[in-house]
């Protein structure tokens, strides 16, 4: 189980907290895409506007990994 926290505009757009039964960050991002149908489009649009995203693993224990995704200029 992973907890993915989306911060700022991306969190407002897609929801700030996702609890997903995934094995990796990219699998979590694919799960958000599968549930929204526009997550990757949003990231691509922001890249075209010279914005990037970053992720940070904030906490890790045997059951959960918390990941923070931020869009930045």
PDB file of N, CA and C in Angstrom:
ATOM      1  N   UNK A   1       0.854  -1.180   0.000  1.00  0.00           N
ATOM      2  CA  UNK A   1       0.000   0.000   0.000  1.00  0.00           C
ATOM      3  C   UNK A   1       0.897   1.240   0.000  1.00  0.00           C
ATOM      4  N   UNK A   2       0.573   2.178  -0.862  1.00  0.00           N
ATOM      5  CA  UNK A   2       1.302   3.441  -0.920  1.00  0.00           C
ATOM      6  C   UNK A   2       0.318   4.586  -0.715  1.00  0.00           C
ATOM      7  N   UNK A   3       0.764   5.614  -0.036  1.00  0.00           N
ATOM      8  CA  UNK A   3       0.010   6.847   0.095  1.00  0.00           C
ATOM      9  C   UNK A   3       0.714   7.868  -0.786  1.00  0.00           C
ATOM     10  N   UNK A   4      -0.001   8.426  -1.734  1.00  0.00           N
ATOM     11  CA  UNK A   4       0.563   9.457  -2.594  1.00  0.00           C
ATOM     12  C   UNK A   4      -0.158  10.753  -2.276  1.00  0.00           C
ATOM     13  N   UNK A   5       0.613  11.752  -1.846  1.00  0.00           N
ATOM     14  CA  UNK A   5       0.080  13.074  -1.554  1.00  0.00           C
ATOM     15  C   UNK A   5       0.423  13.996  -2.708  1.00  0.00           C
ATOM     16  N   UNK A   6      -0.587  14.630  -3.275  1.00  0.00           N
ATOM     17  CA  UNK A   6      -0.392  15.596  -4.345  1.00  0.00           C
ATOM     18  C   UNK A   6      -0.577  16.986  -3.739  1.00  0.00           C
ATOM     19  N   UNK A   7       0.380  17.863  -3.965  1.00  0.00           N
ATOM     20  CA  UNK A   7       0.362  19.176  -3.315  1.00  0.00           C
ATOM     21  C   UNK A   7       0.132  20.303  -4.317  1.00  0.00           C
ATOM     22  N   UNK A   8      -0.402  21.397  -3.826  1.00  0.00           N
ATOM     23  CA  UNK A   8      -0.600  22.581  -4.656  1.00  0.00           C
ATOM     24  C   UNK A   8      -1.709  22.376  -5.674  1.00  0.00           C
ATOM     25  N   UNK A   9      -1.504  22.948  -6.865  1.00  0.00           N
ATOM     26  CA  UNK A   9      -2.524  22.895  -7.906  1.00  0.00           C
ATOM     27  C   UNK A   9      -2.851  21.471  -8.332  1.00  0.00           C
ATOM     28  N   UNK A  10      -1.850  20.616  -8.379  1.00  0.00           N
ATOM     29  CA  UNK A  10      -2.094  19.229  -8.792  1.00  0.00           C
ATOM     30  C   UNK A  10      -2.978  18.506  -7.768  1.00  0.00           C
ATOM     31  N   UNK A  11      -2.805  18.832  -6.487  1.00  0.00           N
ATOM     32  CA  UNK A  11      -3.654  18.257  -5.452  1.00  0.00           C
ATOM     33  C   UNK A  11      -5.085  18.746  -5.543  1.00  0.00           C
ATOM     34  N   UNK A  12      -5.247  20.031  -5.852  1.00  0.00           N
ATOM     35  CA  UNK A  12      -6.593  20.583  -6.018  1.00  0.00           C
ATOM     36  C   UNK A  12      -7.276  19.973  -7.240  1.00  0.00           C
ATOM     37  N   UNK A  13      -6.489  19.708  -8.275  1.00  0.00           N
ATOM     38  CA  UNK A  13      -7.026  19.158  -9.520  1.00  0.00           C
ATOM     39  C   UNK A  13      -7.429  17.687  -9.391  1.00  0.00           C
ATOM     40  N   UNK A  14      -6.631  16.886  -8.678  1.00  0.00           N
ATOM     41  CA  UNK A  14      -6.834  15.437  -8.664  1.00  0.00           C
ATOM     42  C   UNK A  14      -7.127  14.846  -7.285  1.00  0.00           C
ATOM     43  N   UNK A  15      -7.084  15.649  -6.266  1.00  0.00           N
ATOM     44  CA  UNK A  15      -7.253  15.139  -4.906  1.00  0.00           C
ATOM     45  C   UNK A  15      -5.896  15.047  -4.230  1.00  0.00           C
ATOM     46  N   UNK A  16      -5.834  15.457  -2.996  1.00  0.00           N
ATOM     47  CA  UNK A  16      -4.552  15.559  -2.300  1.00  0.00           C
ATOM     48  C   UNK A  16      -3.997  14.227  -1.806  1.00  0.00           C
ATOM     49  N   UNK A  17      -4.846  13.263  -1.542  1.00  0.00           N
ATOM     50  CA  UNK A  17      -4.363  12.019  -0.941  1.00  0.00           C
ATOM     51  C   UNK A  17      -4.930  10.814  -1.683  1.00  0.00           C
ATOM     52  N   UNK A  18      -4.038   9.928  -2.078  1.00  0.00           N
ATOM     53  CA  UNK A  18      -4.397   8.680  -2.751  1.00  0.00           C
ATOM     54  C   UNK A  18      -3.776   7.525  -1.983  1.00  0.00           C
ATOM     55  N   UNK A  19      -4.570   6.558  -1.573  1.00  0.00           N
ATOM     56  CA  UNK A  19      -4.072   5.318  -0.972  1.00  0.00           C
ATOM     57  C   UNK A  19      -4.261   4.217  -2.003  1.00  0.00           C
ATOM     58  N   UNK A  20      -3.146   3.690  -2.502  1.00  0.00           N
ATOM     59  CA  UNK A  20      -3.193   2.761  -3.624  1.00  0.00           C
ATOM     60  C   UNK A  20      -2.401   1.498  -3.317  1.00  0.00           C
ATOM     61  N   UNK A  21      -2.902   0.382  -3.771  1.00  0.00           N
ATOM     62  CA  UNK A  21      -2.209  -0.895  -3.625  1.00  0.00           C
ATOM     63  C   UNK A  21      -1.317  -1.087  -4.845  1.00  0.00           C
ATOM     64  N   UNK A  22      -0.162  -0.406  -4.822  1.00  0.00           N
ATOM     65  CA  UNK A  22       0.788  -0.430  -5.935  1.00  0.00           C
ATOM     66  C   UNK A  22       2.172  -0.731  -5.402  1.00  0.00           C
ATOM     67  N   UNK A  23       3.073  -1.117  -6.302  1.00  0.00           N
ATOM     68  CA  UNK A  23       4.417  -1.507  -5.892  1.00  0.00           C
ATOM     69  C   UNK A  23       5.455  -0.406  -6.080  1.00  0.00           C
ATOM     70  N   UNK A  24       5.128   0.635  -6.866  1.00  0.00           N
ATOM     71  CA  UNK A  24       6.130   1.659  -7.155  1.00  0.00           C
ATOM     72  C   UNK A  24       5.460   3.011  -7.387  1.00  0.00           C
ATOM     73  N   UNK A  25       6.274   4.040  -7.468  1.00  0.00           N
ATOM     74  CA  UNK A  25       5.763   5.386  -7.726  1.00  0.00           C
ATOM     75  C   UNK A  25       5.093   5.448  -9.098  1.00  0.00           C
ATOM     76  N   UNK A  26       5.761   4.930 -10.126  1.00  0.00           N
ATOM     77  CA  UNK A  26       5.183   4.993 -11.463  1.00  0.00           C
ATOM     78  C   UNK A  26       3.888   4.195 -11.548  1.00  0.00           C
ATOM     79  N   UNK A  27       3.817   3.080 -10.862  1.00  0.00           N
ATOM     80  CA  UNK A  27       2.572   2.311 -10.837  1.00  0.00           C
ATOM     81  C   UNK A  27       1.468   3.127 -10.158  1.00  0.00           C
ATOM     82  N   UNK A  28       1.825   3.877  -9.128  1.00  0.00           N
ATOM     83  CA  UNK A  28       0.866   4.764  -8.475  1.00  0.00           C
ATOM     84  C   UNK A  28       0.386   5.861  -9.403  1.00  0.00           C
ATOM     85  N   UNK A  29       1.318   6.435 -10.170  1.00  0.00           N
ATOM     86  CA  UNK A  29       0.939   7.470 -11.131  1.00  0.00           C
ATOM     87  C   UNK A  29       0.029   6.888 -12.212  1.00  0.00           C
ATOM     88  N   UNK A  30       0.306   5.669 -12.640  1.00  0.00           N
ATOM     89  CA  UNK A  30      -0.560   5.007 -13.624  1.00  0.00           C
ATOM     90  C   UNK A  30      -1.956   4.749 -13.037  1.00  0.00           C
ATOM     91  N   UNK A  31      -2.010   4.416 -11.771  1.00  0.00           N
ATOM     92  CA  UNK A  31      -3.306   4.188 -11.116  1.00  0.00           C
ATOM     93  C   UNK A  31      -4.106   5.485 -11.040  1.00  0.00           C
ATOM     94  N   UNK A  32      -3.434   6.598 -10.744  1.00  0.00           N
ATOM     95  CA  UNK A  32      -4.131   7.893 -10.732  1.00  0.00           C
ATOM     96  C   UNK A  32      -4.637   8.209 -12.141  1.00  0.00           C
ATOM     97  N   UNK A  33      -3.811   7.962 -13.146  1.00  0.00           N
ATOM     98  CA  UNK A  33      -4.231   8.160 -14.538  1.00  0.00           C
ATOM     99  C   UNK A  33      -5.450   7.291 -14.861  1.00  0.00           C
ATOM    100  N   UNK A  34      -5.420   6.036 -14.458  1.00  0.00           N
ATOM    101  CA  UNK A  34      -6.529   5.118 -14.744  1.00  0.00           C
ATOM    102  C   UNK A  34      -7.827   5.587 -14.079  1.00  0.00           C
ATOM    103  N   UNK A  35      -7.701   6.221 -12.923  1.00  0.00           N
ATOM    104  CA  UNK A  35      -8.886   6.690 -12.199  1.00  0.00           C
ATOM    105  C   UNK A  35      -9.390   8.046 -12.666  1.00  0.00           C
ATOM    106  N   UNK A  36      -8.512   8.863 -13.246  1.00  0.00           N
ATOM    107  CA  UNK A  36      -8.913  10.211 -13.653  1.00  0.00           C
ATOM    108  C   UNK A  36      -9.018  10.371 -15.163  1.00  0.00           C
ATOM    109  N   UNK A  37      -8.203   9.637 -15.900  1.00  0.00           N
ATOM    110  CA  UNK A  37      -8.196   9.748 -17.347  1.00  0.00           C
ATOM    111  C   UNK A  37      -7.506  10.985 -17.888  1.00  0.00           C
ATOM    112  N   UNK A  38      -6.819  11.737 -17.007  1.00  0.00           N
ATOM    113  CA  UNK A  38      -6.174  12.968 -17.482  1.00  0.00           C
ATOM    114  C   UNK A  38      -4.930  13.371 -16.694  1.00  0.00           C
ATOM    115  N   UNK A  39      -4.452  12.517 -15.831  1.00  0.00           N
ATOM    116  CA  UNK A  39      -3.290  12.844 -14.999  1.00  0.00           C
ATOM    117  C   UNK A  39      -2.034  13.061 -15.850  1.00  0.00           C
ATOM    118  N   UNK A  40      -1.751  12.151 -16.782  1.00  0.00           N
ATOM    119  CA  UNK A  40      -0.557  12.297 -17.622  1.00  0.00           C
ATOM    120  C   UNK A  40      -0.693  13.487 -18.565  1.00  0.00           C
ATOM    121  N   UNK A  41      -1.903  13.752 -19.030  1.00  0.00           N
ATOM    122  CA  UNK A  41      -2.131  14.924 -19.878  1.00  0.00           C
ATOM    123  C   UNK A  41      -1.801  16.204 -19.094  1.00  0.00           C
ATOM    124  N   UNK A  42      -2.197  16.239 -17.834  1.00  0.00           N
ATOM    125  CA  UNK A  42      -1.909  17.396 -16.982  1.00  0.00           C
ATOM    126  C   UNK A  42      -0.398  17.569 -16.808  1.00  0.00           C
ATOM    127  N   UNK A  43       0.323  16.481 -16.545  1.00  0.00           N
ATOM    128  CA  UNK A  43       1.772  16.569 -16.391  1.00  0.00           C
ATOM    129  C   UNK A  43       2.434  17.012 -17.695  1.00  0.00           C
ATOM    130  N   UNK A  44       1.960  16.499 -18.830  1.00  0.00           N
ATOM    131  CA  UNK A  44       2.519  16.879 -20.132  1.00  0.00           C
ATOM    132  C   UNK A  44       2.280  18.354 -20.420  1.00  0.00           C
ATOM    133  N   UNK A  45       1.072  18.832 -20.146  1.00  0.00           N
ATOM    134  CA  UNK A  45       0.746  20.250 -20.363  1.00  0.00           C
ATOM    135  C   UNK A  45       1.663  21.131 -19.525  1.00  0.00           C
ATOM    136  N   UNK A  46       1.883  20.760 -18.282  1.00  0.00           N
ATOM    137  CA  UNK A  46       2.750  21.549 -17.416  1.00  0.00           C
ATOM    138  C   UNK A  46       4.193  21.514 -17.900  1.00  0.00           C
ATOM    139  N   UNK A  47       4.632  20.386 -18.434  1.00  0.00           N
ATOM    140  CA  UNK A  47       5.987  20.289 -18.979  1.00  0.00           C
ATOM    141  C   UNK A  47       6.141  21.233 -20.165  1.00  0.00           C
ATOM    142  N   UNK A  48       5.131  21.309 -21.006  1.00  0.00           N
ATOM    143  CA  UNK A  48       5.158  22.204 -22.163  1.00  0.00           C
ATOM    144  C   UNK A  48       5.207  23.668 -21.739  1.00  0.00           C
ATOM    145  N   UNK A  49       4.729  23.978 -20.549  1.00  0.00           N
ATOM    146  CA  UNK A  49       4.778  25.337 -20.007  1.00  0.00           C
ATOM    147  C   UNK A  49       6.020  25.530 -19.130  1.00  0.00           C
ATOM    148  N   UNK A  50       7.024  24.662 -19.333  1.00  0.00           N
ATOM    149  CA  UNK A  50       8.302  24.708 -18.608  1.00  0.00           C
ATOM    150  C   UNK A  50       8.157  24.520 -17.110  1.00  0.00           C
ATOM    151  N   UNK A  51       7.172  23.743 -16.709  1.00  0.00           N
ATOM    152  CA  UNK A  51       7.019  23.353 -15.315  1.00  0.00           C
ATOM    153  C   UNK A  51       7.414  21.893 -15.213  1.00  0.00           C
ATOM    154  N   UNK A  52       7.910  21.495 -14.091  1.00  0.00           N
ATOM    155  CA  UNK A  52       8.306  20.108 -13.894  1.00  0.00           C
ATOM    156  C   UNK A  52       7.613  19.575 -12.638  1.00  0.00           C
ATOM    157  N   UNK A  53       7.727  18.282 -12.430  1.00  0.00           N
ATOM    158  CA  UNK A  53       7.223  17.725 -11.185  1.00  0.00           C
ATOM    159  C   UNK A  53       8.355  16.973 -10.505  1.00  0.00           C
ATOM    160  N   UNK A  54       8.248  16.889  -9.207  1.00  0.00           N
ATOM    161  CA  UNK A  54       9.226  16.127  -8.442  1.00  0.00           C
ATOM    162  C   UNK A  54       8.473  15.261  -7.452  1.00  0.00           C
ATOM    163  N   UNK A  55       9.142  14.244  -6.981  1.00  0.00           N
ATOM    164  CA  UNK A  55       8.545  13.432  -5.933  1.00  0.00           C
ATOM    165  C   UNK A  55       9.569  13.231  -4.828  1.00  0.00           C
ATOM    166  N   UNK A  56       9.048  13.035  -3.652  1.00  0.00           N
ATOM    167  CA  UNK A  56       9.888  12.840  -2.477  1.00  0.00           C
ATOM    168  C   UNK A  56       9.254  11.761  -1.620  1.00  0.00           C
ATOM    169  N   UNK A  57      10.037  10.768  -1.258  1.00  0.00           N
ATOM    170  CA  UNK A  57       9.546   9.753  -0.331  1.00  0.00           C
ATOM    171  C   UNK A  57       9.713  10.328   1.068  1.00  0.00           C
ATOM    172  N   UNK A  58       8.588  10.557   1.740  1.00  0.00           N
ATOM    173  CA  UNK A  58       8.608  11.240   3.027  1.00  0.00           C
ATOM    174  C   UNK A  58       8.672  10.301   4.220  1.00  0.00           C
ATOM    175  N   UNK A  59       7.997   9.191   4.140  1.00  0.00           N
ATOM    176  CA  UNK A  59       7.961   8.273   5.280  1.00  0.00           C
ATOM    177  C   UNK A  59       7.863   6.854   4.746  1.00  0.00           C
ATOM    178  N   UNK A  60       8.479   5.962   5.446  1.00  0.00           N
ATOM    179  CA  UNK A  60       8.458   4.572   4.995  1.00  0.00           C
ATOM    180  C   UNK A  60       8.391   3.661   6.215  1.00  0.00           C
ATOM    181  N   UNK A  61       7.437   2.748   6.196  1.00  0.00           N
ATOM    182  CA  UNK A  61       7.408   1.689   7.192  1.00  0.00           C
ATOM    183  C   UNK A  61       6.974   0.416   6.491  1.00  0.00           C
ATOM    184  N   UNK A  62       6.699  -0.619   7.220  1.00  0.00           N
ATOM    185  CA  UNK A  62       6.430  -1.910   6.590  1.00  0.00           C
ATOM    186  C   UNK A  62       5.141  -1.926   5.778  1.00  0.00           C
ATOM    187  N   UNK A  63       4.190  -1.049   6.085  1.00  0.00           N
ATOM    188  CA  UNK A  63       2.906  -1.095   5.398  1.00  0.00           C
ATOM    189  C   UNK A  63       2.676   0.039   4.404  1.00  0.00           C
ATOM    190  N   UNK A  64       3.267   1.189   4.638  1.00  0.00           N
ATOM    191  CA  UNK A  64       2.972   2.349   3.820  1.00  0.00           C
ATOM    192  C   UNK A  64       4.243   3.079   3.411  1.00  0.00           C
ATOM    193  N   UNK A  65       4.232   3.632   2.222  1.00  0.00           N
ATOM    194  CA  UNK A  65       5.230   4.599   1.804  1.00  0.00           C
ATOM    195  C   UNK A  65       4.459   5.851   1.424  1.00  0.00           C
ATOM    196  N   UNK A  66       4.823   6.992   1.975  1.00  0.00           N
ATOM    197  CA  UNK A  66       4.182   8.251   1.633  1.00  0.00           C
ATOM    198  C   UNK A  66       5.040   8.972   0.615  1.00  0.00           C
ATOM    199  N   UNK A  67       4.435   9.340  -0.489  1.00  0.00           N
ATOM    200  CA  UNK A  67       5.133   9.994  -1.586  1.00  0.00           C
ATOM    201  C   UNK A  67       4.479  11.359  -1.821  1.00  0.00           C
ATOM    202  N   UNK A  68       5.294  12.387  -1.973  1.00  0.00           N
ATOM    203  CA  UNK A  68       4.817  13.738  -2.199  1.00  0.00           C
ATOM    204  C   UNK A  68       5.139  14.121  -3.638  1.00  0.00           C
ATOM    205  N   UNK A  69       4.142  14.534  -4.419  1.00  0.00           N
ATOM    206  CA  UNK A  69       4.364  14.974  -5.797  1.00  0.00           C
ATOM    207  C   UNK A  69       4.022  16.451  -5.877  1.00  0.00           C
ATOM    208  N   UNK A  70       4.951  17.241  -6.435  1.00  0.00           N
ATOM    209  CA  UNK A  70       4.799  18.699  -6.491  1.00  0.00           C
ATOM    210  C   UNK A  70       5.088  19.157  -7.925  1.00  0.00           C
ATOM    211  N   UNK A  71       4.236  20.047  -8.438  1.00  0.00           N
ATOM    212  CA  UNK A  71       4.513  20.724  -9.711  1.00  0.00           C
ATOM    213  C   UNK A  71       5.287  21.981  -9.359  1.00  0.00           C
ATOM    214  N   UNK A  72       6.394  22.227 -10.058  1.00  0.00           N
ATOM    215  CA  UNK A  72       7.201  23.411  -9.771  1.00  0.00           C
ATOM    216  C   UNK A  72       7.633  24.078 -11.063  1.00  0.00           C
ATOM    217  N   UNK A  73       7.984  25.341 -10.971  1.00  0.00           N
ATOM    218  CA  UNK A  73       8.439  26.103 -12.143  1.00  0.00           C
ATOM    219  C   UNK A  73       9.898  25.954 -12.327  1.00  0.00           C
TER     220      UNK A  73
END
